[in-house]
């Protein structure tokens, strides 16, 4: 089926370059992209690295209130030597 789509110039240029590098047509590149979005099989999801898990024990430092963002920022400022507030 034929259709017309409007793409930003830079996006189209990048797509054409990628298709040429891979030795394929622009149509096949667009089809793959649409299928990826429609089926939810994004390569970005499968390439995501797991977050590191700390093996340290002991919990929070005494006096830190985890439910107060301002308190957490104060502790960070104290440790880094920077002041975020005036």
PDB file of N, CA and C in Angstrom:
ATOM      1  N   UNK A   1       0.851  -1.177   0.000  1.00  0.00           N
ATOM      2  CA  UNK A   1       0.000   0.000   0.000  1.00  0.00           C
ATOM      3  C   UNK A   1       0.893   1.235   0.000  1.00  0.00           C
ATOM      4  N   UNK A   2       0.501   2.241  -0.689  1.00  0.00           N
ATOM      5  CA  UNK A   2       1.227   3.508  -0.727  1.00  0.00           C
ATOM      6  C   UNK A   2       0.562   4.499   0.206  1.00  0.00           C
ATOM      7  N   UNK A   3       1.387   5.321   0.832  1.00  0.00           N
ATOM      8  CA  UNK A   3       0.869   6.398   1.672  1.00  0.00           C
ATOM      9  C   UNK A   3       1.877   7.532   1.686  1.00  0.00           C
ATOM     10  N   UNK A   4       1.461   8.666   2.148  1.00  0.00           N
ATOM     11  CA  UNK A   4       2.344   9.826   2.257  1.00  0.00           C
ATOM     12  C   UNK A   4       2.458  10.195   3.723  1.00  0.00           C
ATOM     13  N   UNK A   5       3.689  10.408   4.169  1.00  0.00           N
ATOM     14  CA  UNK A   5       3.910  10.866   5.537  1.00  0.00           C
ATOM     15  C   UNK A   5       4.804  12.093   5.500  1.00  0.00           C
ATOM     16  N   UNK A   6       4.679  12.922   6.499  1.00  0.00           N
ATOM     17  CA  UNK A   6       5.525  14.107   6.607  1.00  0.00           C
ATOM     18  C   UNK A   6       6.485  13.897   7.771  1.00  0.00           C
ATOM     19  N   UNK A   7       7.754  14.041   7.473  1.00  0.00           N
ATOM     20  CA  UNK A   7       8.799  13.889   8.481  1.00  0.00           C
ATOM     21  C   UNK A   7       9.639  15.154   8.530  1.00  0.00           C
ATOM     22  N   UNK A   8      10.228  15.420   9.671  1.00  0.00           N
ATOM     23  CA  UNK A   8      11.172  16.532   9.774  1.00  0.00           C
ATOM     24  C   UNK A   8      12.362  16.204   8.877  1.00  0.00           C
ATOM     25  N   UNK A   9      12.916  17.238   8.250  1.00  0.00           N
ATOM     26  CA  UNK A   9      14.017  17.044   7.306  1.00  0.00           C
ATOM     27  C   UNK A   9      15.181  16.262   7.911  1.00  0.00           C
ATOM     28  N   UNK A  10      15.599  16.654   9.105  1.00  0.00           N
ATOM     29  CA  UNK A  10      16.748  15.995   9.735  1.00  0.00           C
ATOM     30  C   UNK A  10      16.456  14.526  10.046  1.00  0.00           C
ATOM     31  N   UNK A  11      15.244  14.226  10.477  1.00  0.00           N
ATOM     32  CA  UNK A  11      14.868  12.838  10.757  1.00  0.00           C
ATOM     33  C   UNK A  11      14.917  12.000   9.483  1.00  0.00           C
ATOM     34  N   UNK A  12      14.413  12.539   8.394  1.00  0.00           N
ATOM     35  CA  UNK A  12      14.439  11.825   7.126  1.00  0.00           C
ATOM     36  C   UNK A  12      15.874  11.592   6.652  1.00  0.00           C
ATOM     37  N   UNK A  13      16.728  12.593   6.794  1.00  0.00           N
ATOM     38  CA  UNK A  13      18.134  12.441   6.401  1.00  0.00           C
ATOM     39  C   UNK A  13      18.803  11.335   7.206  1.00  0.00           C
ATOM     40  N   UNK A  14      18.563  11.349   8.512  1.00  0.00           N
ATOM     41  CA  UNK A  14      19.160  10.322   9.379  1.00  0.00           C
ATOM     42  C   UNK A  14      18.651   8.935   9.009  1.00  0.00           C
ATOM     43  N   UNK A  15      17.359   8.826   8.734  1.00  0.00           N
ATOM     44  CA  UNK A  15      16.773   7.536   8.368  1.00  0.00           C
ATOM     45  C   UNK A  15      17.358   7.023   7.057  1.00  0.00           C
ATOM     46  N   UNK A  16      17.502   7.908   6.085  1.00  0.00           N
ATOM     47  CA  UNK A  16      18.075   7.509   4.795  1.00  0.00           C
ATOM     48  C   UNK A  16      19.523   7.054   4.951  1.00  0.00           C
ATOM     49  N   UNK A  17      20.292   7.767   5.773  1.00  0.00           N
ATOM     50  CA  UNK A  17      21.691   7.378   6.009  1.00  0.00           C
ATOM     51  C   UNK A  17      21.765   6.016   6.676  1.00  0.00           C
ATOM     52  N   UNK A  18      20.908   5.792   7.677  1.00  0.00           N
ATOM     53  CA  UNK A  18      20.911   4.502   8.379  1.00  0.00           C
ATOM     54  C   UNK A  18      20.518   3.375   7.428  1.00  0.00           C
ATOM     55  N   UNK A  19      19.499   3.578   6.629  1.00  0.00           N
ATOM     56  CA  UNK A  19      19.070   2.559   5.674  1.00  0.00           C
ATOM     57  C   UNK A  19      20.203   2.245   4.691  1.00  0.00           C
ATOM     58  N   UNK A  20      20.883   3.276   4.214  1.00  0.00           N
ATOM     59  CA  UNK A  20      21.986   3.071   3.274  1.00  0.00           C
ATOM     60  C   UNK A  20      23.133   2.303   3.924  1.00  0.00           C
ATOM     61  N   UNK A  21      23.475   2.664   5.169  1.00  0.00           N
ATOM     62  CA  UNK A  21      24.548   1.951   5.877  1.00  0.00           C
ATOM     63  C   UNK A  21      24.223   0.483   6.036  1.00  0.00           C
ATOM     64  N   UNK A  22      22.949   0.186   6.262  1.00  0.00           N
ATOM     65  CA  UNK A  22      22.524  -1.197   6.487  1.00  0.00           C
ATOM     66  C   UNK A  22      22.168  -1.914   5.187  1.00  0.00           C
ATOM     67  N   UNK A  23      22.272  -1.212   4.047  1.00  0.00           N
ATOM     68  CA  UNK A  23      21.976  -1.822   2.755  1.00  0.00           C
ATOM     69  C   UNK A  23      20.517  -2.226   2.595  1.00  0.00           C
ATOM     70  N   UNK A  24      19.634  -1.385   3.067  1.00  0.00           N
ATOM     71  CA  UNK A  24      18.205  -1.685   2.989  1.00  0.00           C
ATOM     72  C   UNK A  24      17.439  -0.466   2.516  1.00  0.00           C
ATOM     73  N   UNK A  25      16.176  -0.648   2.272  1.00  0.00           N
ATOM     74  CA  UNK A  25      15.354   0.469   1.799  1.00  0.00           C
ATOM     75  C   UNK A  25      14.836   1.295   2.964  1.00  0.00           C
ATOM     76  N   UNK A  26      14.513   2.537   2.661  1.00  0.00           N
ATOM     77  CA  UNK A  26      13.899   3.405   3.658  1.00  0.00           C
ATOM     78  C   UNK A  26      12.567   2.815   4.109  1.00  0.00           C
ATOM     79  N   UNK A  27      11.833   2.234   3.174  1.00  0.00           N
ATOM     80  CA  UNK A  27      10.543   1.611   3.504  1.00  0.00           C
ATOM     81  C   UNK A  27      10.720   0.512   4.544  1.00  0.00           C
ATOM     82  N   UNK A  28      11.724  -0.340   4.376  1.00  0.00           N
ATOM     83  CA  UNK A  28      11.916  -1.436   5.339  1.00  0.00           C
ATOM     84  C   UNK A  28      12.305  -0.910   6.717  1.00  0.00           C
ATOM     85  N   UNK A  29      13.079   0.183   6.734  1.00  0.00           N
ATOM     86  CA  UNK A  29      13.456   0.788   8.015  1.00  0.00           C
ATOM     87  C   UNK A  29      12.225   1.345   8.726  1.00  0.00           C
ATOM     88  N   UNK A  30      11.369   2.041   7.982  1.00  0.00           N
ATOM     89  CA  UNK A  30      10.148   2.605   8.565  1.00  0.00           C
ATOM     90  C   UNK A  30       9.212   1.491   9.023  1.00  0.00           C
ATOM     91  N   UNK A  31       9.083   0.428   8.225  1.00  0.00           N
ATOM     92  CA  UNK A  31       8.232  -0.705   8.619  1.00  0.00           C
ATOM     93  C   UNK A  31       8.721  -1.328   9.925  1.00  0.00           C
ATOM     94  N   UNK A  32      10.039  -1.527  10.031  1.00  0.00           N
ATOM     95  CA  UNK A  32      10.594  -2.103  11.269  1.00  0.00           C
ATOM     96  C   UNK A  32      10.305  -1.209  12.462  1.00  0.00           C
ATOM     97  N   UNK A  33      10.472   0.103  12.277  1.00  0.00           N
ATOM     98  CA  UNK A  33      10.197   1.043  13.365  1.00  0.00           C
ATOM     99  C   UNK A  33       8.751   1.000  13.805  1.00  0.00           C
ATOM    100  N   UNK A  34       7.841   0.971  12.840  1.00  0.00           N
ATOM    101  CA  UNK A  34       6.418   0.905  13.180  1.00  0.00           C
ATOM    102  C   UNK A  34       6.080  -0.403  13.890  1.00  0.00           C
ATOM    103  N   UNK A  35       6.606  -1.507  13.392  1.00  0.00           N
ATOM    104  CA  UNK A  35       6.344  -2.794  14.043  1.00  0.00           C
ATOM    105  C   UNK A  35       6.882  -2.819  15.470  1.00  0.00           C
ATOM    106  N   UNK A  36       8.055  -2.223  15.648  1.00  0.00           N
ATOM    107  CA  UNK A  36       8.648  -2.170  16.990  1.00  0.00           C
ATOM    108  C   UNK A  36       7.740  -1.413  17.951  1.00  0.00           C
ATOM    109  N   UNK A  37       7.240  -0.280  17.512  1.00  0.00           N
ATOM    110  CA  UNK A  37       6.354   0.526  18.355  1.00  0.00           C
ATOM    111  C   UNK A  37       5.032  -0.185  18.599  1.00  0.00           C
ATOM    112  N   UNK A  38       4.465  -0.758  17.556  1.00  0.00           N
ATOM    113  CA  UNK A  38       3.139  -1.377  17.677  1.00  0.00           C
ATOM    114  C   UNK A  38       3.149  -2.676  18.479  1.00  0.00           C
ATOM    115  N   UNK A  39       4.243  -3.417  18.431  1.00  0.00           N
ATOM    116  CA  UNK A  39       4.306  -4.685  19.172  1.00  0.00           C
ATOM    117  C   UNK A  39       4.959  -4.526  20.537  1.00  0.00           C
ATOM    118  N   UNK A  40       5.546  -3.368  20.791  1.00  0.00           N
ATOM    119  CA  UNK A  40       6.185  -3.143  22.087  1.00  0.00           C
ATOM    120  C   UNK A  40       7.513  -3.850  22.223  1.00  0.00           C
ATOM    121  N   UNK A  41       8.112  -4.269  21.121  1.00  0.00           N
ATOM    122  CA  UNK A  41       9.393  -4.975  21.158  1.00  0.00           C
ATOM    123  C   UNK A  41      10.551  -4.017  20.934  1.00  0.00           C
ATOM    124  N   UNK A  42      10.617  -3.001  21.745  1.00  0.00           N
ATOM    125  CA  UNK A  42      11.675  -2.014  21.605  1.00  0.00           C
ATOM    126  C   UNK A  42      13.011  -2.609  22.000  1.00  0.00           C
ATOM    127  N   UNK A  43      14.033  -2.375  21.163  1.00  0.00           N
ATOM    128  CA  UNK A  43      15.377  -2.858  21.501  1.00  0.00           C
ATOM    129  C   UNK A  43      15.908  -2.135  22.721  1.00  0.00           C
ATOM    130  N   UNK A  44      15.423  -0.922  22.953  1.00  0.00           N
ATOM    131  CA  UNK A  44      15.900  -0.169  24.112  1.00  0.00           C
ATOM    132  C   UNK A  44      15.553  -0.884  25.404  1.00  0.00           C
ATOM    133  N   UNK A  45      14.393  -1.512  25.456  1.00  0.00           N
ATOM    134  CA  UNK A  45      14.000  -2.236  26.664  1.00  0.00           C
ATOM    135  C   UNK A  45      14.929  -3.412  26.910  1.00  0.00           C
ATOM    136  N   UNK A  46      15.239  -4.169  25.851  1.00  0.00           N
ATOM    137  CA  UNK A  46      16.059  -5.360  26.024  1.00  0.00           C
ATOM    138  C   UNK A  46      17.520  -5.011  26.272  1.00  0.00           C
ATOM    139  N   UNK A  47      17.947  -3.809  25.883  1.00  0.00           N
ATOM    140  CA  UNK A  47      19.326  -3.415  26.071  1.00  0.00           C
ATOM    141  C   UNK A  47      19.543  -2.669  27.383  1.00  0.00           C
ATOM    142  N   UNK A  48      18.484  -2.475  28.136  1.00  0.00           N
ATOM    143  CA  UNK A  48      18.615  -1.746  29.394  1.00  0.00           C
ATOM    144  C   UNK A  48      19.484  -2.545  30.363  1.00  0.00           C
ATOM    145  N   UNK A  49      20.415  -1.852  30.988  1.00  0.00           N
ATOM    146  CA  UNK A  49      21.283  -2.503  31.964  1.00  0.00           C
ATOM    147  C   UNK A  49      20.592  -2.492  33.317  1.00  0.00           C
ATOM    148  N   UNK A  50      20.749  -3.556  34.091  1.00  0.00           N
ATOM    149  CA  UNK A  50      20.133  -3.556  35.425  1.00  0.00           C
ATOM    150  C   UNK A  50      20.811  -2.520  36.318  1.00  0.00           C
ATOM    151  N   UNK A  51      20.030  -1.949  37.199  1.00  0.00           N
ATOM    152  CA  UNK A  51      20.579  -0.980  38.138  1.00  0.00           C
ATOM    153  C   UNK A  51      21.474  -1.678  39.153  1.00  0.00           C
ATOM    154  N   UNK A  52      22.551  -1.016  39.566  1.00  0.00           N
ATOM    155  CA  UNK A  52      23.421  -1.639  40.556  1.00  0.00           C
ATOM    156  C   UNK A  52      22.713  -1.736  41.910  1.00  0.00           C
ATOM    157  N   UNK A  53      22.990  -2.786  42.625  1.00  0.00           N
ATOM    158  CA  UNK A  53      22.402  -2.993  43.944  1.00  0.00           C
ATOM    159  C   UNK A  53      23.516  -2.904  44.979  1.00  0.00           C
ATOM    160  N   UNK A  54      23.310  -2.045  45.938  1.00  0.00           N
ATOM    161  CA  UNK A  54      24.316  -1.873  46.980  1.00  0.00           C
ATOM    162  C   UNK A  54      24.323  -3.072  47.916  1.00  0.00           C
ATOM    163  N   UNK A  55      25.517  -3.475  48.310  1.00  0.00           N
ATOM    164  CA  UNK A  55      25.654  -4.591  49.251  1.00  0.00           C
ATOM    165  C   UNK A  55      26.001  -4.083  50.653  1.00  0.00           C
ATOM    166  N   UNK A  56      26.009  -2.744  50.790  1.00  0.00           N
ATOM    167  CA  UNK A  56      26.329  -2.163  52.088  1.00  0.00           C
ATOM    168  C   UNK A  56      25.175  -2.362  53.049  1.00  0.00           C
ATOM    169  N   UNK A  57      25.478  -2.376  54.315  1.00  0.00           N
ATOM    170  CA  UNK A  57      24.458  -2.550  55.344  1.00  0.00           C
ATOM    171  C   UNK A  57      24.499  -1.357  56.284  1.00  0.00           C
ATOM    172  N   UNK A  58      23.447  -1.200  57.053  1.00  0.00           N
ATOM    173  CA  UNK A  58      23.456  -0.167  58.068  1.00  0.00           C
ATOM    174  C   UNK A  58      22.378   0.887  57.897  1.00  0.00           C
ATOM    175  N   UNK A  59      21.835   1.032  56.704  1.00  0.00           N
ATOM    176  CA  UNK A  59      20.757   1.995  56.512  1.00  0.00           C
ATOM    177  C   UNK A  59      21.232   3.427  56.455  1.00  0.00           C
ATOM    178  N   UNK A  60      20.334   4.337  56.791  1.00  0.00           N
ATOM    179  CA  UNK A  60      20.622   5.765  56.725  1.00  0.00           C
ATOM    180  C   UNK A  60      21.494   6.220  57.878  1.00  0.00           C
ATOM    181  N   UNK A  61      22.190   7.325  57.636  1.00  0.00           N
ATOM    182  CA  UNK A  61      22.960   7.933  58.711  1.00  0.00           C
ATOM    183  C   UNK A  61      21.989   8.461  59.766  1.00  0.00           C
ATOM    184  N   UNK A  62      22.399   8.495  61.004  1.00  0.00           N
ATOM    185  CA  UNK A  62      21.527   9.037  62.048  1.00  0.00           C
ATOM    186  C   UNK A  62      21.145  10.486  61.749  1.00  0.00           C
ATOM    187  N   UNK A  63      19.890  10.816  61.958  1.00  0.00           N
ATOM    188  CA  UNK A  63      19.410  12.177  61.772  1.00  0.00           C
ATOM    189  C   UNK A  63      18.875  12.485  60.385  1.00  0.00           C
ATOM    190  N   UNK A  64      18.981  11.549  59.448  1.00  0.00           N
ATOM    191  CA  UNK A  64      18.464  11.795  58.111  1.00  0.00           C
ATOM    192  C   UNK A  64      17.003  11.393  58.051  1.00  0.00           C
ATOM    193  N   UNK A  65      16.178  12.329  57.615  1.00  0.00           N
ATOM    194  CA  UNK A  65      14.745  12.064  57.468  1.00  0.00           C
ATOM    195  C   UNK A  65      14.457  11.815  55.995  1.00  0.00           C
ATOM    196  N   UNK A  66      14.210  10.576  55.636  1.00  0.00           N
ATOM    197  CA  UNK A  66      14.037  10.215  54.237  1.00  0.00           C
ATOM    198  C   UNK A  66      12.756  10.791  53.638  1.00  0.00           C
ATOM    199  N   UNK A  67      11.798  11.154  54.446  1.00  0.00           N
ATOM    200  CA  UNK A  67      10.534  11.684  53.944  1.00  0.00           C
ATOM    201  C   UNK A  67      10.569  13.188  53.692  1.00  0.00           C
ATOM    202  N   UNK A  68      11.704  13.833  53.959  1.00  0.00           N
ATOM    203  CA  UNK A  68      11.816  15.274  53.744  1.00  0.00           C
ATOM    204  C   UNK A  68      12.927  15.562  52.745  1.00  0.00           C
ATOM    205  N   UNK A  69      12.532  15.987  51.532  1.00  0.00           N
ATOM    206  CA  UNK A  69      13.511  16.277  50.489  1.00  0.00           C
ATOM    207  C   UNK A  69      14.515  17.338  50.928  1.00  0.00           C
ATOM    208  N   UNK A  70      14.041  18.357  51.599  1.00  0.00           N
ATOM    209  CA  UNK A  70      14.930  19.440  52.020  1.00  0.00           C
ATOM    210  C   UNK A  70      16.013  18.904  52.956  1.00  0.00           C
ATOM    211  N   UNK A  71      15.651  17.999  53.841  1.00  0.00           N
ATOM    212  CA  UNK A  71      16.627  17.424  54.765  1.00  0.00           C
ATOM    213  C   UNK A  71      17.676  16.617  53.999  1.00  0.00           C
ATOM    214  N   UNK A  72      17.257  15.888  52.978  1.00  0.00           N
ATOM    215  CA  UNK A  72      18.198  15.113  52.172  1.00  0.00           C
ATOM    216  C   UNK A  72      19.149  16.043  51.412  1.00  0.00           C
ATOM    217  N   UNK A  73      18.621  17.151  50.883  1.00  0.00           N
ATOM    218  CA  UNK A  73      19.469  18.113  50.187  1.00  0.00           C
ATOM    219  C   UNK A  73      20.469  18.753  51.140  1.00  0.00           C
ATOM    220  N   UNK A  74      20.037  19.041  52.368  1.00  0.00           N
ATOM    221  CA  UNK A  74      20.937  19.630  53.350  1.00  0.00           C
ATOM    222  C   UNK A  74      22.107  18.701  53.636  1.00  0.00           C
ATOM    223  N   UNK A  75      21.834  17.418  53.780  1.00  0.00           N
ATOM    224  CA  UNK A  75      22.893  16.441  54.057  1.00  0.00           C
ATOM    225  C   UNK A  75      23.846  16.384  52.878  1.00  0.00           C
ATOM    226  N   UNK A  76      23.313  16.361  51.653  1.00  0.00           N
ATOM    227  CA  UNK A  76      24.148  16.312  50.457  1.00  0.00           C
ATOM    228  C   UNK A  76      25.019  17.555  50.368  1.00  0.00           C
ATOM    229  N   UNK A  77      24.444  18.723  50.666  1.00  0.00           N
ATOM    230  CA  UNK A  77      25.206  19.966  50.625  1.00  0.00           C
ATOM    231  C   UNK A  77      26.331  19.948  51.648  1.00  0.00           C
ATOM    232  N   UNK A  78      26.033  19.463  52.846  1.00  0.00           N
ATOM    233  CA  UNK A  78      27.033  19.422  53.899  1.00  0.00           C
ATOM    234  C   UNK A  78      28.214  18.544  53.499  1.00  0.00           C
ATOM    235  N   UNK A  79      27.934  17.415  52.857  1.00  0.00           N
ATOM    236  CA  UNK A  79      28.989  16.472  52.500  1.00  0.00           C
ATOM    237  C   UNK A  79      29.799  16.932  51.300  1.00  0.00           C
ATOM    238  N   UNK A  80      29.181  17.665  50.368  1.00  0.00           N
ATOM    239  CA  UNK A  80      29.898  18.064  49.160  1.00  0.00           C
ATOM    240  C   UNK A  80      30.589  19.411  49.311  1.00  0.00           C
ATOM    241  N   UNK A  81      30.206  20.171  50.332  1.00  0.00           N
ATOM    242  CA  UNK A  81      30.803  21.483  50.515  1.00  0.00           C
ATOM    243  C   UNK A  81      30.101  22.579  49.742  1.00  0.00           C
ATOM    244  N   UNK A  82      29.098  22.207  48.962  1.00  0.00           N
ATOM    245  CA  UNK A  82      28.337  23.183  48.179  1.00  0.00           C
ATOM    246  C   UNK A  82      27.100  23.601  48.943  1.00  0.00           C
ATOM    247  N   UNK A  83      26.635  24.792  48.671  1.00  0.00           N
ATOM    248  CA  UNK A  83      25.397  25.275  49.268  1.00  0.00           C
ATOM    249  C   UNK A  83      24.405  25.533  48.158  1.00  0.00           C
ATOM    250  N   UNK A  84      23.247  24.852  48.240  1.00  0.00           N
ATOM    251  CA  UNK A  84      22.250  25.002  47.187  1.00  0.00           C
ATOM    252  C   UNK A  84      21.237  26.092  47.501  1.00  0.00           C
ATOM    253  N   UNK A  85      21.180  26.523  48.723  1.00  0.00           N
ATOM    254  CA  UNK A  85      20.207  27.539  49.115  1.00  0.00           C
ATOM    255  C   UNK A  85      20.923  28.749  49.692  1.00  0.00           C
ATOM    256  N   UNK A  86      20.242  29.894  49.636  1.00  0.00           N
ATOM    257  CA  UNK A  86      20.823  31.102  50.209  1.00  0.00           C
ATOM    258  C   UNK A  86      20.223  31.390  51.547  1.00  0.00           C
TER     259      UNK A  86
END
